[in-house]
C-alpha cells in the first residue's frame, strides 16, 4: 500500500502540472485550462443561440434545433476526431492538440447550453416580456436586462451539471494524446508498470473532487439569502 502511494508522490508534479517548467502544461492544470476554455466559449455561444431561437421561432429555431440534435446525437469522441482531422484542412496548418479538443468540446457543449437556457426563457411568464414591451424596451433590451438575469440564476443547477460533465469529458482528449490528467496518468502507469490501481484511483479521486467543488459552488451561489 505504501509503495502504491509512493508512485503517486514520486510523480505528483507531473500529474498535477505536466511539464509546466518547459512551457507544456499538463495533468490537472491542463484539464482545468481546457474546461474553463470550453466554458468561456460555449456559455456565451449557447446563450446567444438560445436568444436567437427564442426571438425567431420559425425557420431559425428549427435550424438551430436540427443542428443541436445532430451534434448531441453524435458520440463526443467522433466530434473530437473530426475536429482533429478537419481543422488542419480548414486552417491550412496544425493546431495545438489542446486547442483542437477545446474547440470540439465547446461546439458540443454549446448545444446543451442552448437547450438549457432556451428552456429557462420559455418557462418565464409571458407577461414579463409584454410589460417590458409596453414600457418601450426593445426585444434585445428585454432579453439582456430583464429575462436573462432570471434565466441564468434559475438554470444555474443545469449549467453546473453541464460543466461537471464537461470536466469529465476532457478525459476524452487522451485519444489524440493531449496530456491532460487521464493521459498523463496512463503515461505514468506505462512507465512504472506497477500499481495501476493506485494511479487510477488517484485520478478518479481528483475528478471527483473537481466535480464536487463545482457542485458546492453552484449550491452556494443559488442558496437563498437569509
C-alpha atoms as a PDB file:
ATOM      1  CA  UNK A   1       0.000   0.000   0.000  1.00  0.00           C
ATOM      2  CA  UNK A   2       2.801   2.393   0.917  1.00  0.00           C
ATOM      3  CA  UNK A   3       4.636   1.502  -2.290  1.00  0.00           C
ATOM      4  CA  UNK A   4       1.495   2.264  -4.265  1.00  0.00           C
ATOM      5  CA  UNK A   5       1.233   5.641  -2.555  1.00  0.00           C
ATOM      6  CA  UNK A   6       4.876   6.377  -3.378  1.00  0.00           C
ATOM      7  CA  UNK A   7       4.076   6.020  -7.093  1.00  0.00           C
ATOM      8  CA  UNK A   8       1.726   8.993  -6.685  1.00  0.00           C
ATOM      9  CA  UNK A   9       4.101  11.112  -4.617  1.00  0.00           C
ATOM     10  CA  UNK A  10       7.048  10.409  -6.946  1.00  0.00           C
ATOM     11  CA  UNK A  11       5.025  11.576  -9.959  1.00  0.00           C
ATOM     12  CA  UNK A  12       2.784  14.133  -8.288  1.00  0.00           C
ATOM     13  CA  UNK A  13       4.241  17.179 -10.036  1.00  0.00           C
ATOM     14  CA  UNK A  14       3.780  15.564 -13.439  1.00  0.00           C
ATOM     15  CA  UNK A  15       0.210  14.509 -12.605  1.00  0.00           C
ATOM     16  CA  UNK A  16      -0.689  17.987 -11.378  1.00  0.00           C
ATOM     17  CA  UNK A  17       1.199  20.303 -13.746  1.00  0.00           C
ATOM     18  CA  UNK A  18       2.734  18.236 -16.554  1.00  0.00           C
ATOM     19  CA  UNK A  19       5.923  19.791 -17.943  1.00  0.00           C
ATOM     20  CA  UNK A  20       4.971  23.325 -16.943  1.00  0.00           C
ATOM     21  CA  UNK A  21       8.624  24.296 -16.431  1.00  0.00           C
ATOM     22  CA  UNK A  22       9.192  23.587 -20.141  1.00  0.00           C
ATOM     23  CA  UNK A  23       6.123  25.593 -21.104  1.00  0.00           C
ATOM     24  CA  UNK A  24       3.994  22.471 -21.623  1.00  0.00           C
ATOM     25  CA  UNK A  25       1.156  22.400 -19.079  1.00  0.00           C
ATOM     26  CA  UNK A  26      -0.452  19.039 -18.463  1.00  0.00           C
ATOM     27  CA  UNK A  27      -2.248  16.922 -15.908  1.00  0.00           C
ATOM     28  CA  UNK A  28      -4.798  18.602 -13.666  1.00  0.00           C
ATOM     29  CA  UNK A  29      -3.684  22.062 -14.788  1.00  0.00           C
ATOM     30  CA  UNK A  30      -4.357  21.352 -18.462  1.00  0.00           C
ATOM     31  CA  UNK A  31      -7.663  19.686 -17.594  1.00  0.00           C
ATOM     32  CA  UNK A  32      -8.775  22.863 -15.822  1.00  0.00           C
ATOM     33  CA  UNK A  33      -7.449  25.144 -18.567  1.00  0.00           C
ATOM     34  CA  UNK A  34      -9.370  23.180 -21.180  1.00  0.00           C
ATOM     35  CA  UNK A  35     -12.550  23.066 -19.084  1.00  0.00           C
ATOM     36  CA  UNK A  36     -12.546  26.808 -18.415  1.00  0.00           C
ATOM     37  CA  UNK A  37     -11.650  27.500 -22.031  1.00  0.00           C
ATOM     38  CA  UNK A  38     -14.624  25.442 -23.193  1.00  0.00           C
ATOM     39  CA  UNK A  39     -16.910  27.197 -20.710  1.00  0.00           C
ATOM     40  CA  UNK A  40     -15.693  30.618 -21.871  1.00  0.00           C
ATOM     41  CA  UNK A  41     -16.608  29.697 -25.456  1.00  0.00           C
ATOM     42  CA  UNK A  42     -19.692  27.526 -25.000  1.00  0.00           C
ATOM     43  CA  UNK A  43     -21.569  29.608 -22.418  1.00  0.00           C
ATOM     44  CA  UNK A  44     -21.847  32.866 -24.420  1.00  0.00           C
ATOM     45  CA  UNK A  45     -22.346  30.914 -27.650  1.00  0.00           C
ATOM     46  CA  UNK A  46     -25.128  28.806 -26.129  1.00  0.00           C
ATOM     47  CA  UNK A  47     -26.814  31.881 -24.622  1.00  0.00           C
ATOM     48  CA  UNK A  48     -26.657  33.705 -27.964  1.00  0.00           C
ATOM     49  CA  UNK A  49     -28.106  30.716 -29.805  1.00  0.00           C
ATOM     50  CA  UNK A  50     -30.866  30.381 -27.202  1.00  0.00           C
ATOM     51  CA  UNK A  51     -31.690  34.070 -27.649  1.00  0.00           C
ATOM     52  CA  UNK A  52     -31.954  33.591 -31.414  1.00  0.00           C
ATOM     53  CA  UNK A  53     -34.169  30.536 -31.015  1.00  0.00           C
ATOM     54  CA  UNK A  54     -36.384  32.382 -28.525  1.00  0.00           C
ATOM     55  CA  UNK A  55     -36.668  35.526 -30.651  1.00  0.00           C
ATOM     56  CA  UNK A  56     -37.223  33.815 -34.019  1.00  0.00           C
ATOM     57  CA  UNK A  57     -39.495  30.780 -33.565  1.00  0.00           C
ATOM     58  CA  UNK A  58     -39.730  29.896 -37.261  1.00  0.00           C
ATOM     59  CA  UNK A  59     -37.038  28.611 -39.581  1.00  0.00           C
ATOM     60  CA  UNK A  60     -34.164  29.897 -37.431  1.00  0.00           C
ATOM     61  CA  UNK A  61     -35.337  27.985 -34.348  1.00  0.00           C
ATOM     62  CA  UNK A  62     -35.931  24.827 -36.357  1.00  0.00           C
ATOM     63  CA  UNK A  63     -32.482  25.093 -37.929  1.00  0.00           C
ATOM     64  CA  UNK A  64     -30.839  25.561 -34.528  1.00  0.00           C
ATOM     65  CA  UNK A  65     -32.786  22.630 -33.104  1.00  0.00           C
ATOM     66  CA  UNK A  66     -31.704  20.446 -36.029  1.00  0.00           C
ATOM     67  CA  UNK A  67     -28.064  21.462 -35.508  1.00  0.00           C
ATOM     68  CA  UNK A  68     -28.272  20.803 -31.759  1.00  0.00           C
ATOM     69  CA  UNK A  69     -29.905  17.403 -32.223  1.00  0.00           C
ATOM     70  CA  UNK A  70     -27.282  16.445 -34.807  1.00  0.00           C
ATOM     71  CA  UNK A  71     -24.321  17.431 -32.665  1.00  0.00           C
ATOM     72  CA  UNK A  72     -25.781  15.902 -29.485  1.00  0.00           C
ATOM     73  CA  UNK A  73     -26.687  12.697 -31.310  1.00  0.00           C
ATOM     74  CA  UNK A  74     -23.080  12.048 -32.326  1.00  0.00           C
ATOM     75  CA  UNK A  75     -20.684  10.484 -29.789  1.00  0.00           C
ATOM     76  CA  UNK A  76     -18.350  13.172 -28.498  1.00  0.00           C
ATOM     77  CA  UNK A  77     -15.323  11.063 -29.324  1.00  0.00           C
ATOM     78  CA  UNK A  78     -16.240  11.316 -33.026  1.00  0.00           C
ATOM     79  CA  UNK A  79     -16.610  15.092 -32.779  1.00  0.00           C
ATOM     80  CA  UNK A  80     -13.076  15.258 -31.393  1.00  0.00           C
ATOM     81  CA  UNK A  81     -11.777  13.032 -34.185  1.00  0.00           C
ATOM     82  CA  UNK A  82     -13.497  15.150 -36.844  1.00  0.00           C
ATOM     83  CA  UNK A  83     -12.118  18.382 -35.453  1.00  0.00           C
ATOM     84  CA  UNK A  84      -8.675  16.800 -35.153  1.00  0.00           C
ATOM     85  CA  UNK A  85      -8.591  15.975 -38.863  1.00  0.00           C
ATOM     86  CA  UNK A  86     -10.804  18.720 -40.339  1.00  0.00           C
ATOM     87  CA  UNK A  87      -9.417  21.831 -38.634  1.00  0.00           C
ATOM     88  CA  UNK A  88      -5.908  21.474 -40.168  1.00  0.00           C
ATOM     89  CA  UNK A  89      -7.549  21.163 -43.599  1.00  0.00           C
ATOM     90  CA  UNK A  90      -9.651  24.280 -42.973  1.00  0.00           C
ATOM     91  CA  UNK A  91      -6.868  26.394 -41.437  1.00  0.00           C
ATOM     92  CA  UNK A  92      -4.019  25.152 -43.603  1.00  0.00           C
ATOM     93  CA  UNK A  93      -1.869  24.218 -40.614  1.00  0.00           C
ATOM     94  CA  UNK A  94      -1.750  22.107 -37.491  1.00  0.00           C
ATOM     95  CA  UNK A  95      -3.373  23.435 -34.329  1.00  0.00           C
ATOM     96  CA  UNK A  96      -2.262  22.544 -30.796  1.00  0.00           C
ATOM     97  CA  UNK A  97      -3.993  19.398 -29.635  1.00  0.00           C
ATOM     98  CA  UNK A  98      -5.421  21.045 -26.513  1.00  0.00           C
ATOM     99  CA  UNK A  99      -6.916  23.851 -28.612  1.00  0.00           C
ATOM    100  CA  UNK A 100      -8.477  21.390 -31.056  1.00  0.00           C
ATOM    101  CA  UNK A 101     -10.108  19.395 -28.260  1.00  0.00           C
ATOM    102  CA  UNK A 102     -11.253  22.608 -26.554  1.00  0.00           C
ATOM    103  CA  UNK A 103     -12.982  23.759 -29.749  1.00  0.00           C
ATOM    104  CA  UNK A 104     -14.603  20.337 -30.214  1.00  0.00           C
ATOM    105  CA  UNK A 105     -15.898  20.303 -26.644  1.00  0.00           C
ATOM    106  CA  UNK A 106     -17.116  23.905 -26.946  1.00  0.00           C
ATOM    107  CA  UNK A 107     -19.061  23.086 -30.119  1.00  0.00           C
ATOM    108  CA  UNK A 108     -20.641  20.089 -28.404  1.00  0.00           C
ATOM    109  CA  UNK A 109     -21.349  21.890 -25.121  1.00  0.00           C
ATOM    110  CA  UNK A 110     -22.882  24.984 -26.753  1.00  0.00           C
ATOM    111  CA  UNK A 111     -25.792  22.833 -27.936  1.00  0.00           C
ATOM    112  CA  UNK A 112     -26.534  21.692 -24.375  1.00  0.00           C
ATOM    113  CA  UNK A 113     -26.278  25.254 -23.053  1.00  0.00           C
ATOM    114  CA  UNK A 114     -28.644  26.475 -25.783  1.00  0.00           C
ATOM    115  CA  UNK A 115     -31.326  23.943 -24.831  1.00  0.00           C
ATOM    116  CA  UNK A 116     -30.976  24.691 -21.111  1.00  0.00           C
ATOM    117  CA  UNK A 117     -31.159  28.488 -21.481  1.00  0.00           C
ATOM    118  CA  UNK A 118     -34.000  28.309 -24.014  1.00  0.00           C
ATOM    119  CA  UNK A 119     -35.999  26.114 -21.649  1.00  0.00           C
ATOM    120  CA  UNK A 120     -35.449  28.743 -18.953  1.00  0.00           C
ATOM    121  CA  UNK A 121     -36.610  31.530 -21.252  1.00  0.00           C
ATOM    122  CA  UNK A 122     -39.747  29.668 -22.246  1.00  0.00           C
ATOM    123  CA  UNK A 123     -40.544  28.946 -18.588  1.00  0.00           C
ATOM    124  CA  UNK A 124     -40.759  32.645 -17.676  1.00  0.00           C
ATOM    125  CA  UNK A 125     -44.208  34.266 -17.626  1.00  0.00           C
ATOM    126  CA  UNK A 126     -45.101  35.808 -20.974  1.00  0.00           C
ATOM    127  CA  UNK A 127     -46.385  38.874 -19.137  1.00  0.00           C
ATOM    128  CA  UNK A 128     -42.848  39.959 -18.291  1.00  0.00           C
ATOM    129  CA  UNK A 129     -41.960  40.365 -21.951  1.00  0.00           C
ATOM    130  CA  UNK A 130     -45.232  42.106 -22.729  1.00  0.00           C
ATOM    131  CA  UNK A 131     -44.802  44.504 -19.788  1.00  0.00           C
ATOM    132  CA  UNK A 132     -41.288  45.390 -20.937  1.00  0.00           C
ATOM    133  CA  UNK A 133     -42.530  45.992 -24.470  1.00  0.00           C
ATOM    134  CA  UNK A 134     -45.249  48.286 -23.159  1.00  0.00           C
ATOM    135  CA  UNK A 135     -42.552  50.327 -21.374  1.00  0.00           C
ATOM    136  CA  UNK A 136     -40.697  50.874 -24.643  1.00  0.00           C
ATOM    137  CA  UNK A 137     -37.997  48.210 -24.249  1.00  0.00           C
ATOM    138  CA  UNK A 138     -36.833  46.514 -27.441  1.00  0.00           C
ATOM    139  CA  UNK A 139     -36.579  42.743 -27.725  1.00  0.00           C
ATOM    140  CA  UNK A 140     -32.811  42.745 -27.196  1.00  0.00           C
ATOM    141  CA  UNK A 141     -33.022  45.088 -24.215  1.00  0.00           C
ATOM    142  CA  UNK A 142     -35.758  42.953 -22.654  1.00  0.00           C
ATOM    143  CA  UNK A 143     -33.748  39.805 -23.173  1.00  0.00           C
ATOM    144  CA  UNK A 144     -30.490  41.241 -21.828  1.00  0.00           C
ATOM    145  CA  UNK A 145     -31.711  43.330 -18.895  1.00  0.00           C
ATOM    146  CA  UNK A 146     -34.840  41.510 -17.727  1.00  0.00           C
ATOM    147  CA  UNK A 147     -35.066  37.900 -18.851  1.00  0.00           C
ATOM    148  CA  UNK A 148     -31.510  36.547 -18.976  1.00  0.00           C
ATOM    149  CA  UNK A 149     -30.578  37.521 -15.382  1.00  0.00           C
ATOM    150  CA  UNK A 150     -33.538  35.467 -14.159  1.00  0.00           C
ATOM    151  CA  UNK A 151     -32.890  32.588 -16.538  1.00  0.00           C
ATOM    152  CA  UNK A 152     -29.202  32.241 -15.698  1.00  0.00           C
ATOM    153  CA  UNK A 153     -29.964  32.085 -11.985  1.00  0.00           C
ATOM    154  CA  UNK A 154     -32.820  29.604 -12.499  1.00  0.00           C
ATOM    155  CA  UNK A 155     -30.773  27.381 -14.793  1.00  0.00           C
ATOM    156  CA  UNK A 156     -27.550  27.511 -12.791  1.00  0.00           C
ATOM    157  CA  UNK A 157     -28.056  23.957 -11.444  1.00  0.00           C
ATOM    158  CA  UNK A 158     -28.477  22.718 -15.009  1.00  0.00           C
ATOM    159  CA  UNK A 159     -25.498  24.730 -16.246  1.00  0.00           C
ATOM    160  CA  UNK A 160     -23.332  23.477 -13.379  1.00  0.00           C
ATOM    161  CA  UNK A 161     -24.323  19.920 -14.334  1.00  0.00           C
ATOM    162  CA  UNK A 162     -23.196  20.653 -17.888  1.00  0.00           C
ATOM    163  CA  UNK A 163     -19.871  21.985 -16.577  1.00  0.00           C
ATOM    164  CA  UNK A 164     -19.407  18.908 -14.393  1.00  0.00           C
ATOM    165  CA  UNK A 165     -19.957  16.690 -17.434  1.00  0.00           C
ATOM    166  CA  UNK A 166     -17.524  18.900 -19.319  1.00  0.00           C
ATOM    167  CA  UNK A 167     -14.818  18.375 -16.697  1.00  0.00           C
ATOM    168  CA  UNK A 168     -15.166  14.623 -17.111  1.00  0.00           C
ATOM    169  CA  UNK A 169     -15.376  14.847 -20.904  1.00  0.00           C
ATOM    170  CA  UNK A 170     -11.912  16.455 -21.054  1.00  0.00           C
ATOM    171  CA  UNK A 171     -10.585  12.960 -20.330  1.00  0.00           C
ATOM    172  CA  UNK A 172     -11.507  12.026 -23.927  1.00  0.00           C
ATOM    173  CA  UNK A 173      -8.554  14.139 -25.045  1.00  0.00           C
ATOM    174  CA  UNK A 174      -6.396  11.084 -24.388  1.00  0.00           C
ATOM    175  CA  UNK A 175      -7.475   9.670 -27.770  1.00  0.00           C
ATOM    176  CA  UNK A 176      -5.398  12.344 -29.520  1.00  0.00           C
ATOM    177  CA  UNK A 177      -2.637  12.216 -26.896  1.00  0.00           C
ATOM    178  CA  UNK A 178      -3.317  15.611 -25.324  1.00  0.00           C
ATOM    179  CA  UNK A 179      -1.517  15.438 -21.938  1.00  0.00           C
ATOM    180  CA  UNK A 180      -4.461  16.158 -19.651  1.00  0.00           C
ATOM    181  CA  UNK A 181      -4.944  14.218 -16.405  1.00  0.00           C
ATOM    182  CA  UNK A 182      -6.099  10.886 -17.865  1.00  0.00           C
ATOM    183  CA  UNK A 183      -3.337  10.891 -20.477  1.00  0.00           C
ATOM    184  CA  UNK A 184      -0.518  11.642 -18.034  1.00  0.00           C
ATOM    185  CA  UNK A 185      -1.906   9.054 -15.608  1.00  0.00           C
ATOM    186  CA  UNK A 186      -1.691   6.493 -18.413  1.00  0.00           C
ATOM    187  CA  UNK A 187       1.839   7.641 -19.228  1.00  0.00           C
ATOM    188  CA  UNK A 188       2.909   7.222 -15.604  1.00  0.00           C
ATOM    189  CA  UNK A 189       1.305   3.786 -15.489  1.00  0.00           C
ATOM    190  CA  UNK A 190       3.043   2.711 -18.700  1.00  0.00           C
ATOM    191  CA  UNK A 191       6.393   3.978 -17.426  1.00  0.00           C
ATOM    192  CA  UNK A 192       6.395   2.393 -13.981  1.00  0.00           C
ATOM    193  CA  UNK A 193       4.198  -0.620 -14.898  1.00  0.00           C
ATOM    194  CA  UNK A 194       3.305  -1.258 -11.269  1.00  0.00           C
ATOM    195  CA  UNK A 195       0.422  -0.297  -9.002  1.00  0.00           C
ATOM    196  CA  UNK A 196      -2.019   0.804 -11.742  1.00  0.00           C
ATOM    197  CA  UNK A 197      -4.841   0.727  -9.190  1.00  0.00           C
ATOM    198  CA  UNK A 198      -3.166   3.416  -7.089  1.00  0.00           C
ATOM    199  CA  UNK A 199      -2.607   5.666 -10.104  1.00  0.00           C
ATOM    200  CA  UNK A 200      -6.126   5.431 -11.471  1.00  0.00           C
ATOM    201  CA  UNK A 201      -7.795   5.582  -8.050  1.00  0.00           C
ATOM    202  CA  UNK A 202      -5.905   8.849  -7.534  1.00  0.00           C
ATOM    203  CA  UNK A 203      -7.037  10.050 -10.978  1.00  0.00           C
ATOM    204  CA  UNK A 204     -10.675   9.207 -10.233  1.00  0.00           C
ATOM    205  CA  UNK A 205     -10.437  10.926  -6.856  1.00  0.00           C
ATOM    206  CA  UNK A 206      -9.125  14.120  -8.486  1.00  0.00           C
ATOM    207  CA  UNK A 207     -12.036  14.175 -10.952  1.00  0.00           C
ATOM    208  CA  UNK A 208     -14.452  13.552  -8.085  1.00  0.00           C
ATOM    209  CA  UNK A 209     -13.038  16.430  -6.028  1.00  0.00           C
ATOM    210  CA  UNK A 210     -13.151  18.802  -9.007  1.00  0.00           C
ATOM    211  CA  UNK A 211     -16.775  17.913  -9.757  1.00  0.00           C
ATOM    212  CA  UNK A 212     -17.787  18.186  -6.094  1.00  0.00           C
ATOM    213  CA  UNK A 213     -16.167  21.625  -5.908  1.00  0.00           C
ATOM    214  CA  UNK A 214     -18.216  22.839  -8.883  1.00  0.00           C
ATOM    215  CA  UNK A 215     -21.391  21.406  -7.345  1.00  0.00           C
ATOM    216  CA  UNK A 216     -20.764  23.074  -3.982  1.00  0.00           C
ATOM    217  CA  UNK A 217     -20.011  26.430  -5.626  1.00  0.00           C
ATOM    218  CA  UNK A 218     -23.272  26.225  -7.589  1.00  0.00           C
ATOM    219  CA  UNK A 219     -25.207  25.412  -4.411  1.00  0.00           C
ATOM    220  CA  UNK A 220     -23.592  28.317  -2.595  1.00  0.00           C
ATOM    221  CA  UNK A 221     -24.475  30.740  -5.387  1.00  0.00           C
ATOM    222  CA  UNK A 222     -28.094  29.583  -5.621  1.00  0.00           C
ATOM    223  CA  UNK A 223     -28.626  29.378  -1.855  1.00  0.00           C
ATOM    224  CA  UNK A 224     -31.301  31.942  -0.895  1.00  0.00           C
ATOM    225  CA  UNK A 225     -30.167  34.740   1.368  1.00  0.00           C
ATOM    226  CA  UNK A 226     -31.488  34.510   4.927  1.00  0.00           C
END
